[in-house]
PDB file of N, CA and C in Angstrom:
ATOM      1  N   UNK A   1     114.410  39.414  51.990  1.00  0.00           N
ATOM      2  CA  UNK A   1     115.759  39.062  51.852  1.00  0.00           C
ATOM      3  C   UNK A   1     116.046  37.822  52.561  1.00  0.00           C
ATOM      4  N   UNK A   2     115.635  37.643  53.807  1.00  0.00           N
ATOM      5  CA  UNK A   2     115.960  36.575  54.516  1.00  0.00           C
ATOM      6  C   UNK A   2     115.186  35.296  53.810  1.00  0.00           C
ATOM      7  N   UNK A   3     113.951  35.462  53.224  1.00  0.00           N
ATOM      8  CA  UNK A   3     113.156  34.547  52.654  1.00  0.00           C
ATOM      9  C   UNK A   3     114.047  33.864  51.582  1.00  0.00           C
ATOM     10  N   UNK A   4     114.724  34.660  50.966  1.00  0.00           N
ATOM     11  CA  UNK A   4     115.638  34.156  49.807  1.00  0.00           C
ATOM     12  C   UNK A   4     117.023  33.813  50.176  1.00  0.00           C
ATOM     13  N   UNK A   5     117.247  33.639  51.423  1.00  0.00           N
ATOM     14  CA  UNK A   5     118.561  33.396  52.044  1.00  0.00           C
ATOM     15  C   UNK A   5     119.663  34.332  51.505  1.00  0.00           C
ATOM     16  N   UNK A   6     119.248  35.558  51.304  1.00  0.00           N
ATOM     17  CA  UNK A   6     120.305  36.583  50.887  1.00  0.00           C
ATOM     18  C   UNK A   6     120.925  37.095  52.308  1.00  0.00           C
ATOM     19  N   UNK A   7     120.110  37.160  53.246  1.00  0.00           N
ATOM     20  CA  UNK A   7     120.647  37.507  54.510  1.00  0.00           C
ATOM     21  C   UNK A   7     120.527  36.472  55.598  1.00  0.00           C
ATOM     22  N   UNK A   8     121.265  36.408  56.596  1.00  0.00           N
ATOM     23  CA  UNK A   8     121.251  35.399  57.519  1.00  0.00           C
ATOM     24  C   UNK A   8     120.115  35.274  58.538  1.00  0.00           C
ATOM     25  N   UNK A   9     119.664  36.559  58.895  1.00  0.00           N
ATOM     26  CA  UNK A   9     118.548  36.749  59.889  1.00  0.00           C
ATOM     27  C   UNK A   9     117.393  37.822  59.376  1.00  0.00           C
ATOM     28  N   UNK A  10     116.261  37.443  59.635  1.00  0.00           N
ATOM     29  CA  UNK A  10     115.139  38.454  59.194  1.00  0.00           C
ATOM     30  C   UNK A  10     115.145  39.658  60.326  1.00  0.00           C
ATOM     31  N   UNK A  11     115.844  39.564  61.338  1.00  0.00           N
ATOM     32  CA  UNK A  11     115.758  40.634  62.367  1.00  0.00           C
ATOM     33  C   UNK A  11     116.745  41.641  62.145  1.00  0.00           C
ATOM     34  N   UNK A  12     116.466  42.871  62.448  1.00  0.00           N
ATOM     35  CA  UNK A  12     117.513  44.108  62.488  1.00  0.00           C
ATOM     36  C   UNK A  12     118.251  44.086  63.633  1.00  0.00           C
ATOM     37  N   UNK A  13     119.466  44.312  63.624  1.00  0.00           N
ATOM     38  CA  UNK A  13     120.371  44.317  64.927  1.00  0.00           C
ATOM     39  C   UNK A  13     119.972  45.663  65.907  1.00  0.00           C
ATOM     40  N   UNK A  14     119.238  46.437  65.339  1.00  0.00           N
ATOM     41  CA  UNK A  14     118.957  47.690  66.046  1.00  0.00           C
ATOM     42  C   UNK A  14     117.999  47.472  67.154  1.00  0.00           C
ATOM     43  N   UNK A  15     116.921  46.813  66.689  1.00  0.00           N
ATOM     44  CA  UNK A  15     115.978  46.559  67.775  1.00  0.00           C
ATOM     45  C   UNK A  15     115.042  45.394  67.548  1.00  0.00           C
ATOM     46  N   UNK A  16     115.806  44.451  66.927  1.00  0.00           N
ATOM     47  CA  UNK A  16     115.198  43.171  66.653  1.00  0.00           C
ATOM     48  C   UNK A  16     113.844  43.045  66.012  1.00  0.00           C
ATOM     49  N   UNK A  17     113.594  44.174  65.332  1.00  0.00           N
ATOM     50  CA  UNK A  17     112.204  44.302  64.441  1.00  0.00           C
ATOM     51  C   UNK A  17     112.614  43.477  63.050  1.00  0.00           C
ATOM     52  N   UNK A  18     111.509  43.107  62.382  1.00  0.00           N
ATOM     53  CA  UNK A  18     111.782  42.367  61.057  1.00  0.00           C
ATOM     54  C   UNK A  18     112.340  43.402  60.226  1.00  0.00           C
ATOM     55  N   UNK A  19     113.326  42.882  59.449  1.00  0.00           N
ATOM     56  CA  UNK A  19     113.977  43.818  58.436  1.00  0.00           C
ATOM     57  C   UNK A  19     112.957  43.829  57.255  1.00  0.00           C
ATOM     58  N   UNK A  20     112.743  45.104  56.781  1.00  0.00           N
ATOM     59  CA  UNK A  20     111.847  45.172  55.571  1.00  0.00           C
ATOM     60  C   UNK A  20     112.266  46.642  55.119  1.00  0.00           C
ATOM     61  N   UNK A  21     111.716  46.943  53.824  1.00  0.00           N
ATOM     62  CA  UNK A  21     112.026  48.246  53.291  1.00  0.00           C
ATOM     63  C   UNK A  21     111.297  49.400  54.283  1.00  0.00           C
ATOM     64  N   UNK A  22     110.087  49.053  54.787  1.00  0.00           N
ATOM     65  CA  UNK A  22     109.321  49.927  55.622  1.00  0.00           C
ATOM     66  C   UNK A  22     110.053  50.156  56.945  1.00  0.00           C
ATOM     67  N   UNK A  23     110.728  49.039  57.408  1.00  0.00           N
ATOM     68  CA  UNK A  23     111.469  49.228  58.630  1.00  0.00           C
ATOM     69  C   UNK A  23     112.671  50.169  58.424  1.00  0.00           C
ATOM     70  N   UNK A  24     113.273  49.996  57.447  1.00  0.00           N
ATOM     71  CA  UNK A  24     114.557  50.793  57.067  1.00  0.00           C
ATOM     72  C   UNK A  24     114.117  52.268  56.936  1.00  0.00           C
ATOM     73  N   UNK A  25     113.082  52.449  56.145  1.00  0.00           N
ATOM     74  CA  UNK A  25     112.606  53.795  55.843  1.00  0.00           C
ATOM     75  C   UNK A  25     112.052  54.515  57.045  1.00  0.00           C
ATOM     76  N   UNK A  26     111.223  53.872  57.694  1.00  0.00           N
ATOM     77  CA  UNK A  26     110.421  54.418  58.758  1.00  0.00           C
ATOM     78  C   UNK A  26     110.694  54.183  60.335  1.00  0.00           C
ATOM     79  N   UNK A  27     111.437  53.163  60.596  1.00  0.00           N
ATOM     80  CA  UNK A  27     111.542  52.576  61.992  1.00  0.00           C
ATOM     81  C   UNK A  27     112.951  52.425  62.490  1.00  0.00           C
ATOM     82  N   UNK A  28     113.875  52.030  61.720  1.00  0.00           N
ATOM     83  CA  UNK A  28     115.247  51.520  62.202  1.00  0.00           C
ATOM     84  C   UNK A  28     115.881  52.577  63.048  1.00  0.00           C
ATOM     85  N   UNK A  29     116.241  52.152  64.235  1.00  0.00           N
ATOM     86  CA  UNK A  29     116.830  53.131  65.306  1.00  0.00           C
ATOM     87  C   UNK A  29     118.236  53.410  64.698  1.00  0.00           C
ATOM     88  N   UNK A  30     118.886  52.592  63.981  1.00  0.00           N
ATOM     89  CA  UNK A  30     120.286  52.857  63.496  1.00  0.00           C
ATOM     90  C   UNK A  30     120.416  53.820  62.369  1.00  0.00           C
ATOM     91  N   UNK A  31     119.185  54.197  61.906  1.00  0.00           N
ATOM     92  CA  UNK A  31     119.153  55.240  60.756  1.00  0.00           C
ATOM     93  C   UNK A  31     118.341  56.525  61.055  1.00  0.00           C
ATOM     94  N   UNK A  32     118.225  56.635  62.426  1.00  0.00           N
ATOM     95  CA  UNK A  32     117.513  57.927  62.824  1.00  0.00           C
ATOM     96  C   UNK A  32     118.022  59.129  62.264  1.00  0.00           C
ATOM     97  N   UNK A  33     119.467  59.307  62.260  1.00  0.00           N
ATOM     98  CA  UNK A  33     120.086  60.701  61.913  1.00  0.00           C
ATOM     99  C   UNK A  33     119.844  60.770  60.297  1.00  0.00           C
ATOM    100  N   UNK A  34     119.973  59.701  59.519  1.00  0.00           N
ATOM    101  CA  UNK A  34     119.698  59.762  58.136  1.00  0.00           C
ATOM    102  C   UNK A  34     118.251  60.153  57.828  1.00  0.00           C
ATOM    103  N   UNK A  35     117.363  59.446  58.644  1.00  0.00           N
ATOM    104  CA  UNK A  35     115.923  59.644  58.427  1.00  0.00           C
ATOM    105  C   UNK A  35     115.537  61.042  58.745  1.00  0.00           C
ATOM    106  N   UNK A  36     116.176  61.685  59.772  1.00  0.00           N
ATOM    107  CA  UNK A  36     115.785  62.951  60.207  1.00  0.00           C
ATOM    108  C   UNK A  36     116.058  63.995  59.125  1.00  0.00           C
ATOM    109  N   UNK A  37     117.095  63.669  58.394  1.00  0.00           N
ATOM    110  CA  UNK A  37     117.363  64.598  57.240  1.00  0.00           C
ATOM    111  C   UNK A  37     116.275  64.499  56.121  1.00  0.00           C
ATOM    112  N   UNK A  38     115.847  63.263  55.803  1.00  0.00           N
ATOM    113  CA  UNK A  38     114.860  63.017  54.855  1.00  0.00           C
ATOM    114  C   UNK A  38     113.575  63.628  55.304  1.00  0.00           C
ATOM    115  N   UNK A  39     113.224  63.471  56.501  1.00  0.00           N
ATOM    116  CA  UNK A  39     111.974  63.900  57.155  1.00  0.00           C
ATOM    117  C   UNK A  39     111.950  65.423  57.067  1.00  0.00           C
ATOM    118  N   UNK A  40     113.102  66.065  57.280  1.00  0.00           N
ATOM    119  CA  UNK A  40     113.164  67.652  57.171  1.00  0.00           C
ATOM    120  C   UNK A  40     112.763  67.954  55.845  1.00  0.00           C
ATOM    121  N   UNK A  41     113.186  67.219  54.889  1.00  0.00           N
ATOM    122  CA  UNK A  41     112.860  67.720  53.440  1.00  0.00           C
ATOM    123  C   UNK A  41     111.431  67.542  53.138  1.00  0.00           C
ATOM    124  N   UNK A  42     110.906  66.330  53.697  1.00  0.00           N
ATOM    125  CA  UNK A  42     109.513  66.071  53.443  1.00  0.00           C
ATOM    126  C   UNK A  42     108.510  66.825  54.100  1.00  0.00           C
ATOM    127  N   UNK A  43     108.801  67.217  55.391  1.00  0.00           N
ATOM    128  CA  UNK A  43     107.791  67.967  56.149  1.00  0.00           C
ATOM    129  C   UNK A  43     107.748  69.416  55.804  1.00  0.00           C
ATOM    130  N   UNK A  44     108.420  69.884  54.852  1.00  0.00           N
ATOM    131  CA  UNK A  44     108.231  71.289  54.228  1.00  0.00           C
ATOM    132  C   UNK A  44     107.000  71.350  53.595  1.00  0.00           C
ATOM    133  N   UNK A  45     106.524  70.165  52.900  1.00  0.00           N
ATOM    134  CA  UNK A  45     105.251  70.396  51.916  1.00  0.00           C
ATOM    135  C   UNK A  45     104.280  69.109  52.288  1.00  0.00           C
ATOM    136  N   UNK A  46     104.647  68.075  53.169  1.00  0.00           N
ATOM    137  CA  UNK A  46     103.895  67.029  53.504  1.00  0.00           C
ATOM    138  C   UNK A  46     103.949  66.646  54.815  1.00  0.00           C
ATOM    139  N   UNK A  47     103.029  65.850  55.489  1.00  0.00           N
ATOM    140  CA  UNK A  47     103.174  65.202  56.698  1.00  0.00           C
ATOM    141  C   UNK A  47     103.986  64.016  56.625  1.00  0.00           C
ATOM    142  N   UNK A  48     104.899  63.727  57.789  1.00  0.00           N
ATOM    143  CA  UNK A  48     105.489  62.408  57.678  1.00  0.00           C
ATOM    144  C   UNK A  48     104.693  61.382  58.425  1.00  0.00           C
ATOM    145  N   UNK A  49     104.658  60.345  58.009  1.00  0.00           N
ATOM    146  CA  UNK A  49     105.483  59.508  57.080  1.00  0.00           C
ATOM    147  C   UNK A  49     104.509  59.460  55.809  1.00  0.00           C
ATOM    148  N   UNK A  50     105.239  59.645  54.635  1.00  0.00           N
ATOM    149  CA  UNK A  50     104.748  59.594  53.333  1.00  0.00           C
ATOM    150  C   UNK A  50     104.914  58.083  52.947  1.00  0.00           C
ATOM    151  N   UNK A  51     104.109  57.904  51.811  1.00  0.00           N
ATOM    152  CA  UNK A  51     104.205  56.509  51.237  1.00  0.00           C
ATOM    153  C   UNK A  51     105.641  56.392  50.422  1.00  0.00           C
ATOM    154  N   UNK A  52     105.901  55.273  50.226  1.00  0.00           N
ATOM    155  CA  UNK A  52     107.100  54.873  49.427  1.00  0.00           C
ATOM    156  C   UNK A  52     106.900  55.384  48.134  1.00  0.00           C
ATOM    157  N   UNK A  53     105.719  55.337  47.408  1.00  0.00           N
ATOM    158  CA  UNK A  53     105.492  55.738  46.170  1.00  0.00           C
ATOM    159  C   UNK A  53     105.860  57.419  46.118  1.00  0.00           C
ATOM    160  N   UNK A  54     105.265  58.113  47.091  1.00  0.00           N
ATOM    161  CA  UNK A  54     105.606  59.558  47.186  1.00  0.00           C
ATOM    162  C   UNK A  54     107.162  59.892  47.384  1.00  0.00           C
ATOM    163  N   UNK A  55     107.608  59.183  48.171  1.00  0.00           N
ATOM    164  CA  UNK A  55     109.120  59.257  48.438  1.00  0.00           C
ATOM    165  C   UNK A  55     109.885  59.018  47.075  1.00  0.00           C
ATOM    166  N   UNK A  56     109.562  58.132  46.312  1.00  0.00           N
ATOM    167  CA  UNK A  56     110.305  57.685  45.157  1.00  0.00           C
ATOM    168  C   UNK A  56     109.969  58.623  43.990  1.00  0.00           C
ATOM    169  N   UNK A  57     108.754  59.365  44.076  1.00  0.00           N
ATOM    170  CA  UNK A  57     108.415  60.237  42.897  1.00  0.00           C
ATOM    171  C   UNK A  57     108.595  61.778  43.273  1.00  0.00           C
ATOM    172  N   UNK A  58     107.822  62.177  44.276  1.00  0.00           N
ATOM    173  CA  UNK A  58     108.017  63.556  44.699  1.00  0.00           C
ATOM    174  C   UNK A  58     109.354  63.918  45.413  1.00  0.00           C
ATOM    175  N   UNK A  59     109.805  63.174  46.188  1.00  0.00           N
ATOM    176  CA  UNK A  59     110.915  63.371  46.867  1.00  0.00           C
ATOM    177  C   UNK A  59     112.210  62.516  46.515  1.00  0.00           C
ATOM    178  N   UNK A  60     112.177  62.357  45.179  1.00  0.00           N
ATOM    179  CA  UNK A  60     113.271  61.396  44.832  1.00  0.00           C
ATOM    180  C   UNK A  60     114.679  61.753  45.078  1.00  0.00           C
ATOM    181  N   UNK A  61     114.882  62.930  44.904  1.00  0.00           N
ATOM    182  CA  UNK A  61     116.263  63.544  45.182  1.00  0.00           C
ATOM    183  C   UNK A  61     116.719  63.197  46.610  1.00  0.00           C
ATOM    184  N   UNK A  62     115.732  63.676  47.528  1.00  0.00           N
ATOM    185  CA  UNK A  62     115.999  63.394  48.958  1.00  0.00           C
ATOM    186  C   UNK A  62     116.014  62.020  49.392  1.00  0.00           C
ATOM    187  N   UNK A  63     115.217  61.095  48.757  1.00  0.00           N
ATOM    188  CA  UNK A  63     115.180  59.730  49.036  1.00  0.00           C
ATOM    189  C   UNK A  63     116.572  59.128  48.683  1.00  0.00           C
ATOM    190  N   UNK A  64     117.042  59.562  47.486  1.00  0.00           N
ATOM    191  CA  UNK A  64     118.373  58.960  46.969  1.00  0.00           C
ATOM    192  C   UNK A  64     119.454  59.448  47.843  1.00  0.00           C
ATOM    193  N   UNK A  65     119.515  60.744  48.298  1.00  0.00           N
ATOM    194  CA  UNK A  65     120.461  61.069  49.325  1.00  0.00           C
ATOM    195  C   UNK A  65     120.284  60.300  50.636  1.00  0.00           C
ATOM    196  N   UNK A  66     119.242  59.967  51.101  1.00  0.00           N
ATOM    197  CA  UNK A  66     119.026  59.192  52.231  1.00  0.00           C
ATOM    198  C   UNK A  66     119.544  57.774  52.195  1.00  0.00           C
ATOM    199  N   UNK A  67     119.250  57.144  50.876  1.00  0.00           N
ATOM    200  CA  UNK A  67     119.789  55.813  50.687  1.00  0.00           C
ATOM    201  C   UNK A  67     121.314  55.781  50.582  1.00  0.00           C
ATOM    202  N   UNK A  68     121.802  56.849  50.017  1.00  0.00           N
ATOM    203  CA  UNK A  68     123.432  56.921  49.681  1.00  0.00           C
ATOM    204  C   UNK A  68     124.065  57.212  51.019  1.00  0.00           C
ATOM    205  N   UNK A  69     123.300  58.002  51.858  1.00  0.00           N
ATOM    206  CA  UNK A  69     123.982  58.394  53.069  1.00  0.00           C
ATOM    207  C   UNK A  69     124.202  57.433  54.326  1.00  0.00           C
ATOM    208  N   UNK A  70     123.617  56.317  54.012  1.00  0.00           N
ATOM    209  CA  UNK A  70     123.448  55.247  55.047  1.00  0.00           C
ATOM    210  C   UNK A  70     124.978  54.526  55.020  1.00  0.00           C
ATOM    211  N   UNK A  71     125.551  54.545  56.266  1.00  0.00           N
ATOM    212  CA  UNK A  71     126.883  53.927  56.516  1.00  0.00           C
ATOM    213  C   UNK A  71     126.433  52.315  56.640  1.00  0.00           C
ATOM    214  N   UNK A  72     127.252  51.567  55.895  1.00  0.00           N
ATOM    215  CA  UNK A  72     127.030  50.154  55.880  1.00  0.00           C
ATOM    216  C   UNK A  72     127.871  49.561  57.062  1.00  0.00           C
ATOM    217  N   UNK A  73     128.603  50.161  57.775  1.00  0.00           N
ATOM    218  CA  UNK A  73     129.496  49.750  58.838  1.00  0.00           C
ATOM    219  C   UNK A  73     128.726  49.345  59.984  1.00  0.00           C
ATOM    220  N   UNK A  74     128.804  48.024  60.271  1.00  0.00           N
ATOM    221  CA  UNK A  74     128.066  47.547  61.509  1.00  0.00           C
ATOM    222  C   UNK A  74     126.617  47.495  61.504  1.00  0.00           C
ATOM    223  N   UNK A  75     126.092  47.600  60.192  1.00  0.00           N
ATOM    224  CA  UNK A  75     124.480  47.477  60.213  1.00  0.00           C
ATOM    225  C   UNK A  75     124.223  46.161  59.504  1.00  0.00           C
ATOM    226  N   UNK A  76     123.302  45.393  60.387  1.00  0.00           N
ATOM    227  CA  UNK A  76     122.863  44.132  59.779  1.00  0.00           C
ATOM    228  C   UNK A  76     122.043  44.071  58.718  1.00  0.00           C
ATOM    229  N   UNK A  77     121.453  45.204  58.507  1.00  0.00           N
ATOM    230  CA  UNK A  77     120.535  45.180  57.265  1.00  0.00           C
ATOM    231  C   UNK A  77     121.278  45.750  56.060  1.00  0.00           C
ATOM    232  N   UNK A  78     122.548  45.528  56.086  1.00  0.00           N
ATOM    233  CA  UNK A  78     123.492  46.071  54.928  1.00  0.00           C
ATOM    234  C   UNK A  78     122.913  45.394  53.532  1.00  0.00           C
ATOM    235  N   UNK A  79     122.640  44.114  53.457  1.00  0.00           N
ATOM    236  CA  UNK A  79     122.180  43.623  52.085  1.00  0.00           C
ATOM    237  C   UNK A  79     120.747  44.327  51.730  1.00  0.00           C
ATOM    238  N   UNK A  80     119.751  44.540  52.763  1.00  0.00           N
ATOM    239  CA  UNK A  80     118.624  45.209  52.426  1.00  0.00           C
ATOM    240  C   UNK A  80     118.825  46.602  51.906  1.00  0.00           C
ATOM    241  N   UNK A  81     119.753  47.428  52.532  1.00  0.00           N
ATOM    242  CA  UNK A  81     120.182  48.691  52.173  1.00  0.00           C
ATOM    243  C   UNK A  81     120.573  48.737  50.843  1.00  0.00           C
ATOM    244  N   UNK A  82     121.453  47.892  50.490  1.00  0.00           N
ATOM    245  CA  UNK A  82     122.137  47.728  49.067  1.00  0.00           C
ATOM    246  C   UNK A  82     121.102  47.311  47.981  1.00  0.00           C
ATOM    247  N   UNK A  83     120.129  46.407  48.514  1.00  0.00           N
ATOM    248  CA  UNK A  83     118.979  46.170  47.744  1.00  0.00           C
ATOM    249  C   UNK A  83     118.075  47.365  47.408  1.00  0.00           C
ATOM    250  N   UNK A  84     117.873  48.187  48.429  1.00  0.00           N
ATOM    251  CA  UNK A  84     117.011  49.374  48.369  1.00  0.00           C
ATOM    252  C   UNK A  84     117.732  50.450  47.305  1.00  0.00           C
ATOM    253  N   UNK A  85     119.041  50.433  47.383  1.00  0.00           N
ATOM    254  CA  UNK A  85     119.771  51.439  46.654  1.00  0.00           C
ATOM    255  C   UNK A  85     119.673  51.131  45.070  1.00  0.00           C
ATOM    256  N   UNK A  86     119.646  49.651  44.983  1.00  0.00           N
ATOM    257  CA  UNK A  86     119.795  49.146  43.497  1.00  0.00           C
ATOM    258  C   UNK A  86     118.443  49.090  42.880  1.00  0.00           C
ATOM    259  N   UNK A  87     117.402  49.169  43.712  1.00  0.00           N
ATOM    260  CA  UNK A  87     115.934  48.989  43.141  1.00  0.00           C
ATOM    261  C   UNK A  87     115.700  50.186  42.233  1.00  0.00           C
ATOM    262  N   UNK A  88     116.040  51.311  42.564  1.00  0.00           N
ATOM    263  CA  UNK A  88     115.566  52.449  41.803  1.00  0.00           C
ATOM    264  C   UNK A  88     114.115  52.561  41.762  1.00  0.00           C
ATOM    265  N   UNK A  89     113.603  52.327  42.967  1.00  0.00           N
ATOM    266  CA  UNK A  89     112.107  52.365  43.391  1.00  0.00           C
ATOM    267  C   UNK A  89     111.150  51.583  42.419  1.00  0.00           C
ATOM    268  N   UNK A  90     111.659  50.362  42.309  1.00  0.00           N
ATOM    269  CA  UNK A  90     111.099  49.185  41.582  1.00  0.00           C
ATOM    270  C   UNK A  90     109.776  48.840  42.323  1.00  0.00           C
ATOM    271  N   UNK A  91     109.511  49.339  43.564  1.00  0.00           N
ATOM    272  CA  UNK A  91     108.370  48.793  44.210  1.00  0.00           C
ATOM    273  C   UNK A  91     107.091  49.459  43.630  1.00  0.00           C
ATOM    274  N   UNK A  92     107.255  50.402  42.860  1.00  0.00           N
ATOM    275  CA  UNK A  92     106.019  51.096  42.182  1.00  0.00           C
ATOM    276  C   UNK A  92     105.751  50.292  40.984  1.00  0.00           C
ATOM    277  N   UNK A  93     104.424  49.917  40.942  1.00  0.00           N
ATOM    278  CA  UNK A  93     104.029  48.961  39.878  1.00  0.00           C
ATOM    279  C   UNK A  93     102.869  49.813  38.971  1.00  0.00           C
TER     280      UNK A  93
END
């Protein structure tokens, strides 16, 4: 997103890590609460962390709830999160 000048900085405000889909799904400290709910659903049948493919296919409902539950207030990754929500899992090729 930074590469295409959609966002001002490539760093997340939570921990100064590079903003990416993987960062938001697996690492961002601002999203720990939302991620914990997603992880709870996943670990009933899989080990965490699962691939994005598996999240978007096997755990689609939980993944969608995760994406939609993220509050955009005060999050520097806002545009990345909006982009994830709108992708409808287009990273699967």
